[in-house]
All heavy atoms as atom14 arrays in JSON, in Angstrom:
{
  "sequence": "LHYFYEISLPTSWLTAAGWDGSAFNIHWTENCANDSIIVDPSRVPEP",
  "atom14_mask": [
    [1, 1, 1, 1, 1, 1, 1, 1, 0, 0, 0, 0, 0, 0],
    [1, 1, 1, 1, 1, 1, 1, 1, 1, 1, 0, 0, 0, 0],
    [1, 1, 1, 1, 1, 1, 1, 1, 1, 1, 1, 1, 0, 0],
    [1, 1, 1, 1, 1, 1, 1, 1, 1, 1, 1, 0, 0, 0],
    [1, 1, 1, 1, 1, 1, 1, 1, 1, 1, 1, 1, 0, 0],
    [1, 1, 1, 1, 1, 1, 1, 1, 1, 0, 0, 0, 0, 0],
    [1, 1, 1, 1, 1, 1, 1, 1, 0, 0, 0, 0, 0, 0],
    [1, 1, 1, 1, 1, 1, 0, 0, 0, 0, 0, 0, 0, 0],
    [1, 1, 1, 1, 1, 1, 1, 1, 0, 0, 0, 0, 0, 0],
    [1, 1, 1, 1, 1, 1, 1, 0, 0, 0, 0, 0, 0, 0],
    [1, 1, 1, 1, 1, 1, 1, 0, 0, 0, 0, 0, 0, 0],
    [1, 1, 1, 1, 1, 1, 0, 0, 0, 0, 0, 0, 0, 0],
    [1, 1, 1, 1, 1, 1, 1, 1, 1, 1, 1, 1, 1, 1],
    [1, 1, 1, 1, 1, 1, 1, 1, 0, 0, 0, 0, 0, 0],
    [1, 1, 1, 1, 1, 1, 1, 0, 0, 0, 0, 0, 0, 0],
    [1, 1, 1, 1, 1, 0, 0, 0, 0, 0, 0, 0, 0, 0],
    [1, 1, 1, 1, 1, 0, 0, 0, 0, 0, 0, 0, 0, 0],
    [1, 1, 1, 1, 0, 0, 0, 0, 0, 0, 0, 0, 0, 0],
    [1, 1, 1, 1, 1, 1, 1, 1, 1, 1, 1, 1, 1, 1],
    [1, 1, 1, 1, 1, 1, 1, 1, 0, 0, 0, 0, 0, 0],
    [1, 1, 1, 1, 0, 0, 0, 0, 0, 0, 0, 0, 0, 0],
    [1, 1, 1, 1, 1, 1, 0, 0, 0, 0, 0, 0, 0, 0],
    [1, 1, 1, 1, 1, 0, 0, 0, 0, 0, 0, 0, 0, 0],
    [1, 1, 1, 1, 1, 1, 1, 1, 1, 1, 1, 0, 0, 0],
    [1, 1, 1, 1, 1, 1, 1, 1, 0, 0, 0, 0, 0, 0],
    [1, 1, 1, 1, 1, 1, 1, 1, 0, 0, 0, 0, 0, 0],
    [1, 1, 1, 1, 1, 1, 1, 1, 1, 1, 0, 0, 0, 0],
    [1, 1, 1, 1, 1, 1, 1, 1, 1, 1, 1, 1, 1, 1],
    [1, 1, 1, 1, 1, 1, 1, 0, 0, 0, 0, 0, 0, 0],
    [1, 1, 1, 1, 1, 1, 1, 1, 1, 0, 0, 0, 0, 0],
    [1, 1, 1, 1, 1, 1, 1, 1, 0, 0, 0, 0, 0, 0],
    [1, 1, 1, 1, 1, 1, 0, 0, 0, 0, 0, 0, 0, 0],
    [1, 1, 1, 1, 1, 0, 0, 0, 0, 0, 0, 0, 0, 0],
    [1, 1, 1, 1, 1, 1, 1, 1, 0, 0, 0, 0, 0, 0],
    [1, 1, 1, 1, 1, 1, 1, 1, 0, 0, 0, 0, 0, 0],
    [1, 1, 1, 1, 1, 1, 0, 0, 0, 0, 0, 0, 0, 0],
    [1, 1, 1, 1, 1, 1, 1, 1, 0, 0, 0, 0, 0, 0],
    [1, 1, 1, 1, 1, 1, 1, 1, 0, 0, 0, 0, 0, 0],
    [1, 1, 1, 1, 1, 1, 1, 0, 0, 0, 0, 0, 0, 0],
    [1, 1, 1, 1, 1, 1, 1, 1, 0, 0, 0, 0, 0, 0],
    [1, 1, 1, 1, 1, 1, 1, 0, 0, 0, 0, 0, 0, 0],
    [1, 1, 1, 1, 1, 1, 0, 0, 0, 0, 0, 0, 0, 0],
    [1, 1, 1, 1, 1, 1, 1, 1, 1, 1, 1, 0, 0, 0],
    [1, 1, 1, 1, 1, 1, 1, 0, 0, 0, 0, 0, 0, 0],
    [1, 1, 1, 1, 1, 1, 1, 0, 0, 0, 0, 0, 0, 0],
    [1, 1, 1, 1, 1, 1, 1, 1, 1, 0, 0, 0, 0, 0],
    [1, 1, 1, 1, 1, 1, 1, 0, 0, 0, 0, 0, 0, 0]
  ],
  "atom14_positions": [
    [[101.1, 113.61, 104.39], [102.42, 114.1, 104.8], [103.0, 113.17, 105.86], [102.29, 112.69, 106.75], [102.31, 115.52, 105.35], [101.9, 116.6, 104.35], [101.85, 117.96, 105.03], [102.85, 116.64, 103.16], [0.0, 0.0, 0.0], [0.0, 0.0, 0.0], [0.0, 0.0, 0.0], [0.0, 0.0, 0.0], [0.0, 0.0, 0.0], [0.0, 0.0, 0.0]],
    [[104.32, 112.95, 105.76], [105.01, 112.02, 106.65], [106.24, 112.69, 107.25], [106.87, 113.56, 106.63], [105.43, 110.77, 105.88], [104.34, 110.21, 105.01], [103.31, 109.45, 105.5], [104.12, 110.34, 103.68], [102.5, 109.12, 104.5], [102.98, 109.65, 103.39], [0.0, 0.0, 0.0], [0.0, 0.0, 0.0], [0.0, 0.0, 0.0], [0.0, 0.0, 0.0]],
    [[106.59, 112.23, 108.45], [107.75, 112.74, 109.18], [108.6, 111.55, 109.62], [108.06, 110.47, 109.9], [107.29, 113.56, 110.39], [106.35, 114.67, 110.0], [104.97, 114.43, 109.9], [106.82, 115.94, 109.7], [104.1, 115.43, 109.52], [105.94, 116.95, 109.3], [104.59, 116.69, 109.21], [103.72, 117.68, 108.83], [0.0, 0.0, 0.0], [0.0, 0.0, 0.0]],
    [[109.91, 111.75, 109.66], [110.82, 110.62, 109.85], [111.76, 110.85, 111.04], [112.22, 111.97, 111.27], [111.65, 110.41, 108.59], [110.81, 110.24, 107.34], [110.84, 111.18, 106.33], [109.98, 109.15, 107.19], [110.07, 111.04, 105.19], [109.2, 108.99, 106.07], [109.24, 109.94, 105.06], [0.0, 0.0, 0.0], [0.0, 0.0, 0.0], [0.0, 0.0, 0.0]],
    [[112.03, 109.75, 111.74], [113.02, 109.73, 112.82], [114.09, 108.7, 112.45], [113.78, 107.66, 111.87], [112.4, 109.28, 114.14], [111.38, 110.21, 114.74], [110.09, 110.31, 114.23], [111.69, 110.97, 115.88], [109.14, 111.13, 114.8], [110.74, 111.8, 116.47], [109.46, 111.87, 115.93], [108.52, 112.69, 116.5], [0.0, 0.0, 0.0], [0.0, 0.0, 0.0]],
    [[115.31, 108.97, 112.87], [116.4, 108.0, 112.76], [117.23, 108.05, 114.04], [117.5, 109.14, 114.57], [117.3, 108.33, 111.56], [117.18, 107.36, 110.43], [118.12, 107.67, 109.28], [118.41, 108.86, 109.04], [118.57, 106.71, 108.65], [0.0, 0.0, 0.0], [0.0, 0.0, 0.0], [0.0, 0.0, 0.0], [0.0, 0.0, 0.0], [0.0, 0.0, 0.0]],
    [[117.64, 106.87, 114.5], [118.37, 106.76, 115.77], [119.43, 105.69, 115.63], [119.23, 104.68, 114.96], [117.42, 106.36, 116.91], [116.3, 107.39, 117.08], [118.17, 106.2, 118.23], [115.2, 106.93, 118.02], [0.0, 0.0, 0.0], [0.0, 0.0, 0.0], [0.0, 0.0, 0.0], [0.0, 0.0, 0.0], [0.0, 0.0, 0.0], [0.0, 0.0, 0.0]],
    [[120.57, 105.89, 116.3], [121.55, 104.82, 116.46], [122.13, 104.89, 117.87], [122.27, 105.98, 118.44], [122.66, 104.9, 115.42], [123.51, 106.01, 115.66], [0.0, 0.0, 0.0], [0.0, 0.0, 0.0], [0.0, 0.0, 0.0], [0.0, 0.0, 0.0], [0.0, 0.0, 0.0], [0.0, 0.0, 0.0], [0.0, 0.0, 0.0], [0.0, 0.0, 0.0]],
    [[122.47, 103.72, 118.42], [123.09, 103.66, 119.74], [123.85, 102.36, 119.88], [123.53, 101.37, 119.21], [122.03, 103.75, 120.84], [120.99, 102.63, 120.91], [120.68, 102.28, 122.35], [119.71, 103.06, 120.21], [0.0, 0.0, 0.0], [0.0, 0.0, 0.0], [0.0, 0.0, 0.0], [0.0, 0.0, 0.0], [0.0, 0.0, 0.0], [0.0, 0.0, 0.0]],
    [[124.87, 102.32, 120.73], [125.63, 101.09, 120.93], [124.78, 100.03, 121.63], [124.04, 100.34, 122.57], [126.8, 101.52, 121.82], [126.84, 103.01, 121.75], [125.44, 103.46, 121.48], [0.0, 0.0, 0.0], [0.0, 0.0, 0.0], [0.0, 0.0, 0.0], [0.0, 0.0, 0.0], [0.0, 0.0, 0.0], [0.0, 0.0, 0.0], [0.0, 0.0, 0.0]],
    [[124.88, 98.8, 121.19], [124.15, 97.73, 121.86], [124.69, 97.49, 123.27], [123.99, 96.89, 124.1], [124.22, 96.43, 121.04], [125.6, 96.1, 120.79], [123.48, 96.57, 119.73], [0.0, 0.0, 0.0], [0.0, 0.0, 0.0], [0.0, 0.0, 0.0], [0.0, 0.0, 0.0], [0.0, 0.0, 0.0], [0.0, 0.0, 0.0], [0.0, 0.0, 0.0]],
    [[125.9, 97.96, 123.57], [126.45, 97.8, 124.93], [125.58, 98.53, 125.94], [125.5, 98.13, 127.11], [127.89, 98.31, 124.99], [127.97, 99.68, 124.63], [0.0, 0.0, 0.0], [0.0, 0.0, 0.0], [0.0, 0.0, 0.0], [0.0, 0.0, 0.0], [0.0, 0.0, 0.0], [0.0, 0.0, 0.0], [0.0, 0.0, 0.0], [0.0, 0.0, 0.0]],
    [[124.91, 99.62, 125.52], [124.01, 100.32, 126.44], [122.79, 99.46, 126.75], [122.27, 99.51, 127.87], [123.58, 101.66, 125.85], [124.7, 102.63, 125.69], [125.99, 102.48, 126.11], [124.64, 103.91, 125.05], [126.74, 103.57, 125.77], [125.93, 104.47, 125.12], [123.63, 104.61, 124.42], [126.23, 105.72, 124.58], [123.91, 105.87, 123.88], [125.21, 106.41, 123.96]],
    [[122.33, 98.69, 125.77], [121.23, 97.78, 126.02], [121.65, 96.7, 127.01], [120.89, 96.33, 127.91], [120.75, 97.13, 124.72], [120.31, 98.08, 123.61], [119.83, 97.28, 122.4], [119.23, 99.04, 124.08], [0.0, 0.0, 0.0], [0.0, 0.0, 0.0], [0.0, 0.0, 0.0], [0.0, 0.0, 0.0], [0.0, 0.0, 0.0], [0.0, 0.0, 0.0]],
    [[122.87, 96.21, 126.86], [123.39, 95.22, 127.8], [123.43, 95.8, 129.21], [123.06, 95.13, 130.18], [124.8, 94.77, 127.36], [124.74, 94.25, 126.03], [125.34, 93.71, 128.29], [0.0, 0.0, 0.0], [0.0, 0.0, 0.0], [0.0, 0.0, 0.0], [0.0, 0.0, 0.0], [0.0, 0.0, 0.0], [0.0, 0.0, 0.0], [0.0, 0.0, 0.0]],
    [[123.87, 97.06, 129.33], [123.91, 97.71, 130.63], [122.52, 97.87, 131.23], [122.36, 97.92, 132.45], [124.58, 99.08, 130.5], [0.0, 0.0, 0.0], [0.0, 0.0, 0.0], [0.0, 0.0, 0.0], [0.0, 0.0, 0.0], [0.0, 0.0, 0.0], [0.0, 0.0, 0.0], [0.0, 0.0, 0.0], [0.0, 0.0, 0.0], [0.0, 0.0, 0.0]],
    [[121.49, 97.93, 130.37], [120.11, 98.06, 130.84], [119.47, 96.72, 131.15], [118.31, 96.69, 131.58], [119.28, 98.8, 129.79], [0.0, 0.0, 0.0], [0.0, 0.0, 0.0], [0.0, 0.0, 0.0], [0.0, 0.0, 0.0], [0.0, 0.0, 0.0], [0.0, 0.0, 0.0], [0.0, 0.0, 0.0], [0.0, 0.0, 0.0], [0.0, 0.0, 0.0]],
    [[120.19, 95.62, 130.91], [119.67, 94.3, 131.25], [119.45, 93.36, 130.09], [118.95, 92.25, 130.27], [0.0, 0.0, 0.0], [0.0, 0.0, 0.0], [0.0, 0.0, 0.0], [0.0, 0.0, 0.0], [0.0, 0.0, 0.0], [0.0, 0.0, 0.0], [0.0, 0.0, 0.0], [0.0, 0.0, 0.0], [0.0, 0.0, 0.0], [0.0, 0.0, 0.0]],
    [[119.82, 93.77, 128.88], [119.63, 92.91, 127.71], [120.62, 91.75, 127.75], [121.82, 91.94, 127.96], [119.84, 93.71, 126.44], [119.66, 92.94, 125.17], [118.65, 92.11, 124.86], [120.52, 92.96, 124.03], [118.81, 91.6, 123.58], [119.96, 92.11, 123.05], [121.7, 93.64, 123.72], [120.55, 91.91, 121.81], [122.29, 93.43, 122.49], [121.72, 92.58, 121.55]],
    [[120.11, 90.53, 127.54], [120.96, 89.34, 127.57], [121.26, 88.8, 126.18], [121.77, 87.69, 126.03], [120.3, 88.25, 128.41], [118.95, 87.79, 127.85], [118.54, 88.28, 126.77], [118.3, 86.94, 128.48], [0.0, 0.0, 0.0], [0.0, 0.0, 0.0], [0.0, 0.0, 0.0], [0.0, 0.0, 0.0], [0.0, 0.0, 0.0], [0.0, 0.0, 0.0]],
    [[120.96, 89.58, 125.15], [121.23, 89.15, 123.79], [120.06, 88.47, 123.11], [120.13, 88.13, 121.93], [0.0, 0.0, 0.0], [0.0, 0.0, 0.0], [0.0, 0.0, 0.0], [0.0, 0.0, 0.0], [0.0, 0.0, 0.0], [0.0, 0.0, 0.0], [0.0, 0.0, 0.0], [0.0, 0.0, 0.0], [0.0, 0.0, 0.0], [0.0, 0.0, 0.0]],
    [[118.96, 88.27, 123.82], [117.8, 87.61, 123.23], [116.98, 88.62, 122.44], [117.29, 89.81, 122.39], [116.94, 86.98, 124.34], [116.51, 87.96, 125.26], [0.0, 0.0, 0.0], [0.0, 0.0, 0.0], [0.0, 0.0, 0.0], [0.0, 0.0, 0.0], [0.0, 0.0, 0.0], [0.0, 0.0, 0.0], [0.0, 0.0, 0.0], [0.0, 0.0, 0.0]],
    [[115.9, 88.15, 121.84], [115.05, 89.01, 121.01], [114.41, 90.11, 121.86], [114.14, 89.92, 123.05], [113.98, 88.18, 120.33], [0.0, 0.0, 0.0], [0.0, 0.0, 0.0], [0.0, 0.0, 0.0], [0.0, 0.0, 0.0], [0.0, 0.0, 0.0], [0.0, 0.0, 0.0], [0.0, 0.0, 0.0], [0.0, 0.0, 0.0], [0.0, 0.0, 0.0]],
    [[114.18, 91.25, 121.24], [113.5, 92.33, 121.95], [112.67, 93.14, 120.97], [112.88, 93.1, 119.76], [114.49, 93.23, 122.7], [115.48, 93.96, 121.82], [115.22, 95.24, 121.34], [116.71, 93.38, 121.5], [116.14, 95.92, 120.55], [117.63, 94.04, 120.72], [117.36, 95.32, 120.24], [0.0, 0.0, 0.0], [0.0, 0.0, 0.0], [0.0, 0.0, 0.0]],
    [[111.7, 93.88, 121.51], [110.82, 94.73, 120.72], [111.16, 96.2, 120.92], [111.6, 96.6, 121.99], [109.35, 94.52, 121.11], [108.72, 93.32, 120.43], [109.14, 92.93, 119.34], [107.72, 92.73, 121.06], [0.0, 0.0, 0.0], [0.0, 0.0, 0.0], [0.0, 0.0, 0.0], [0.0, 0.0, 0.0], [0.0, 0.0, 0.0], [0.0, 0.0, 0.0]],
    [[110.9, 96.98, 119.88], [110.98, 98.44, 119.96], [109.59, 98.99, 119.67], [108.94, 98.57, 118.71], [111.99, 98.99, 118.94], [113.39, 98.42, 119.23], [112.03, 100.52, 118.99], [114.38, 98.65, 118.12], [0.0, 0.0, 0.0], [0.0, 0.0, 0.0], [0.0, 0.0, 0.0], [0.0, 0.0, 0.0], [0.0, 0.0, 0.0], [0.0, 0.0, 0.0]],
    [[109.13, 99.9, 120.49], [107.75, 100.41, 120.43], [107.78, 101.93, 120.37], [108.63, 102.58, 120.98], [107.02, 99.94, 121.68], [105.65, 100.52, 121.87], [105.42, 101.81, 122.32], [104.41, 99.97, 121.71], [104.13, 102.04, 122.42], [103.49, 100.93, 122.04], [0.0, 0.0, 0.0], [0.0, 0.0, 0.0], [0.0, 0.0, 0.0], [0.0, 0.0, 0.0]],
    [[106.83, 102.5, 119.62], [106.67, 103.96, 119.62], [105.21, 104.32, 119.51], [104.43, 103.64, 118.83], [107.42, 104.6, 118.45], [107.33, 106.11, 118.47], [108.14, 106.98, 119.16], [106.37, 106.92, 117.78], [107.74, 108.27, 118.95], [106.64, 108.27, 118.11], [105.3, 106.65, 116.94], [105.9, 109.33, 117.62], [104.53, 107.69, 116.45], [104.84, 109.02, 116.78]],
    [[104.83, 105.39, 120.18], [103.51, 105.98, 120.03], [103.58, 107.45, 120.45], [104.6, 107.9, 120.98], [102.45, 105.24, 120.86], [101.15, 105.78, 120.57], [102.72, 105.37, 122.35], [0.0, 0.0, 0.0], [0.0, 0.0, 0.0], [0.0, 0.0, 0.0], [0.0, 0.0, 0.0], [0.0, 0.0, 0.0], [0.0, 0.0, 0.0], [0.0, 0.0, 0.0]],
    [[102.51, 108.18, 120.21], [102.44, 109.57, 120.67], [102.02, 109.58, 122.15], [101.65, 108.56, 122.71], [101.42, 110.36, 119.84], [101.59, 110.24, 118.34], [100.85, 109.06, 117.75], [100.19, 108.31, 118.51], [100.93, 108.88, 116.51], [0.0, 0.0, 0.0], [0.0, 0.0, 0.0], [0.0, 0.0, 0.0], [0.0, 0.0, 0.0], [0.0, 0.0, 0.0]],
    [[102.05, 110.77, 122.76], [101.72, 110.87, 124.18], [100.26, 110.56, 124.48], [99.91, 110.32, 125.64], [102.08, 112.25, 124.72], [103.57, 112.41, 124.93], [104.28, 111.45, 125.2], [104.07, 113.63, 124.82], [0.0, 0.0, 0.0], [0.0, 0.0, 0.0], [0.0, 0.0, 0.0], [0.0, 0.0, 0.0], [0.0, 0.0, 0.0], [0.0, 0.0, 0.0]],
    [[99.41, 110.58, 123.48], [98.0, 110.18, 123.67], [97.82, 108.68, 123.43], [96.8, 108.12, 123.79], [97.1, 110.96, 122.73], [97.62, 110.88, 121.0], [0.0, 0.0, 0.0], [0.0, 0.0, 0.0], [0.0, 0.0, 0.0], [0.0, 0.0, 0.0], [0.0, 0.0, 0.0], [0.0, 0.0, 0.0], [0.0, 0.0, 0.0], [0.0, 0.0, 0.0]],
    [[98.81, 108.05, 122.81], [98.74, 106.62, 122.43], [97.62, 106.36, 121.43], [97.04, 105.28, 121.41], [98.61, 105.71, 123.64], [0.0, 0.0, 0.0], [0.0, 0.0, 0.0], [0.0, 0.0, 0.0], [0.0, 0.0, 0.0], [0.0, 0.0, 0.0], [0.0, 0.0, 0.0], [0.0, 0.0, 0.0], [0.0, 0.0, 0.0], [0.0, 0.0, 0.0]],
    [[97.34, 107.32, 120.56], [96.33, 107.08, 119.53], [96.71, 105.93, 118.63], [95.87, 105.11, 118.25], [96.13, 108.34, 118.68], [95.15, 109.31, 119.31], [94.8, 109.16, 120.46], [94.73, 110.3, 118.55], [0.0, 0.0, 0.0], [0.0, 0.0, 0.0], [0.0, 0.0, 0.0], [0.0, 0.0, 0.0], [0.0, 0.0, 0.0], [0.0, 0.0, 0.0]],
    [[97.97, 105.86, 118.25], [98.44, 104.79, 117.38], [99.8, 104.35, 117.86], [100.65, 105.17, 118.24], [98.52, 105.26, 115.93], [98.66, 104.1, 114.95], [98.39, 102.95, 115.35], [99.01, 104.34, 113.8], [0.0, 0.0, 0.0], [0.0, 0.0, 0.0], [0.0, 0.0, 0.0], [0.0, 0.0, 0.0], [0.0, 0.0, 0.0], [0.0, 0.0, 0.0]],
    [[100.06, 103.07, 117.86], [101.36, 102.54, 118.29], [101.88, 101.58, 117.24], [101.14, 101.06, 116.42], [101.23, 101.82, 119.64], [100.4, 100.68, 119.5], [0.0, 0.0, 0.0], [0.0, 0.0, 0.0], [0.0, 0.0, 0.0], [0.0, 0.0, 0.0], [0.0, 0.0, 0.0], [0.0, 0.0, 0.0], [0.0, 0.0, 0.0], [0.0, 0.0, 0.0]],
    [[103.2, 101.34, 117.3], [103.82, 100.45, 116.33], [105.01, 99.77, 116.99], [105.69, 100.37, 117.84], [104.24, 101.24, 115.06], [104.55, 100.29, 113.91], [105.35, 102.22, 115.35], [104.56, 100.99, 112.55], [0.0, 0.0, 0.0], [0.0, 0.0, 0.0], [0.0, 0.0, 0.0], [0.0, 0.0, 0.0], [0.0, 0.0, 0.0], [0.0, 0.0, 0.0]],
    [[105.25, 98.51, 116.66], [106.27, 97.68, 117.31], [107.04, 96.91, 116.26], [106.46, 96.42, 115.29], [105.62, 96.68, 118.3], [104.87, 97.42, 119.42], [106.67, 95.76, 118.91], [104.1, 96.5, 120.34], [0.0, 0.0, 0.0], [0.0, 0.0, 0.0], [0.0, 0.0, 0.0], [0.0, 0.0, 0.0], [0.0, 0.0, 0.0], [0.0, 0.0, 0.0]],
    [[108.35, 96.77, 116.47], [109.17, 95.94, 115.6], [110.3, 95.32, 116.42], [110.7, 95.87, 117.45], [109.76, 96.77, 114.43], [110.87, 97.69, 114.9], [110.24, 95.89, 113.29], [0.0, 0.0, 0.0], [0.0, 0.0, 0.0], [0.0, 0.0, 0.0], [0.0, 0.0, 0.0], [0.0, 0.0, 0.0], [0.0, 0.0, 0.0], [0.0, 0.0, 0.0]],
    [[110.77, 94.17, 115.98], [111.98, 93.57, 116.57], [113.11, 93.69, 115.55], [112.89, 93.51, 114.36], [111.75, 92.12, 116.97], [111.38, 91.23, 115.79], [110.67, 91.71, 114.89], [111.81, 90.07, 115.76], [0.0, 0.0, 0.0], [0.0, 0.0, 0.0], [0.0, 0.0, 0.0], [0.0, 0.0, 0.0], [0.0, 0.0, 0.0], [0.0, 0.0, 0.0]],
    [[114.33, 94.01, 115.99], [115.42, 94.26, 115.04], [115.93, 92.99, 114.36], [115.94, 91.91, 114.95], [116.52, 94.86, 115.92], [115.87, 95.23, 117.2], [114.72, 94.29, 117.37], [0.0, 0.0, 0.0], [0.0, 0.0, 0.0], [0.0, 0.0, 0.0], [0.0, 0.0, 0.0], [0.0, 0.0, 0.0], [0.0, 0.0, 0.0], [0.0, 0.0, 0.0]],
    [[116.35, 93.15, 113.12], [117.11, 92.11, 112.44], [118.58, 92.28, 112.78], [119.01, 93.32, 113.26], [116.91, 92.19, 110.93], [117.38, 93.44, 110.44], [0.0, 0.0, 0.0], [0.0, 0.0, 0.0], [0.0, 0.0, 0.0], [0.0, 0.0, 0.0], [0.0, 0.0, 0.0], [0.0, 0.0, 0.0], [0.0, 0.0, 0.0], [0.0, 0.0, 0.0]],
    [[119.35, 91.25, 112.53], [120.79, 91.3, 112.78], [121.53, 91.08, 111.47], [121.33, 90.07, 110.81], [121.21, 90.22, 113.79], [120.6, 90.4, 115.17], [120.89, 89.17, 116.01], [120.22, 89.23, 117.29], [120.78, 89.69, 118.4], [122.02, 90.13, 118.38], [120.11, 89.7, 119.54], [0.0, 0.0, 0.0], [0.0, 0.0, 0.0], [0.0, 0.0, 0.0]],
    [[122.38, 92.02, 111.13], [123.23, 91.86, 109.96], [124.41, 90.98, 110.37], [125.03, 91.21, 111.41], [123.72, 93.22, 109.45], [124.76, 93.04, 108.36], [122.55, 94.02, 108.91], [0.0, 0.0, 0.0], [0.0, 0.0, 0.0], [0.0, 0.0, 0.0], [0.0, 0.0, 0.0], [0.0, 0.0, 0.0], [0.0, 0.0, 0.0], [0.0, 0.0, 0.0]],
    [[124.75, 89.92, 109.6], [125.81, 89.01, 110.01], [127.13, 89.73, 110.22], [127.51, 90.63, 109.48], [125.91, 88.04, 108.82], [124.59, 88.12, 108.16], [124.12, 89.53, 108.34], [0.0, 0.0, 0.0], [0.0, 0.0, 0.0], [0.0, 0.0, 0.0], [0.0, 0.0, 0.0], [0.0, 0.0, 0.0], [0.0, 0.0, 0.0], [0.0, 0.0, 0.0]],
    [[127.81, 89.33, 111.29], [129.13, 89.86, 111.59], [130.14, 89.35, 110.56], [129.99, 88.24, 110.04], [129.58, 89.4, 112.98], [128.7, 89.9, 114.1], [129.1, 91.28, 114.55], [129.99, 91.87, 113.9], [128.53, 91.78, 115.54], [0.0, 0.0, 0.0], [0.0, 0.0, 0.0], [0.0, 0.0, 0.0], [0.0, 0.0, 0.0], [0.0, 0.0, 0.0]],
    [[131.2, 90.11, 110.27], [132.25, 89.61, 109.37], [132.81, 88.27, 109.84], [133.11, 87.4, 109.04], [133.31, 90.72, 109.42], [132.53, 91.95, 109.75], [131.42, 91.5, 110.67], [0.0, 0.0, 0.0], [0.0, 0.0, 0.0], [0.0, 0.0, 0.0], [0.0, 0.0, 0.0], [0.0, 0.0, 0.0], [0.0, 0.0, 0.0], [0.0, 0.0, 0.0]]
  ]
}
């Protein structure tokens, strides 16, 4: 059995948090940290 999360947010909030436009990682795990997973986002080309 599997469970799914989906999230969206403006990248301007990342900029406000200190992002300079370079590569970054996204990480998730449970509160026990039994298993963790990391990915860096792809960029869809702007028009």
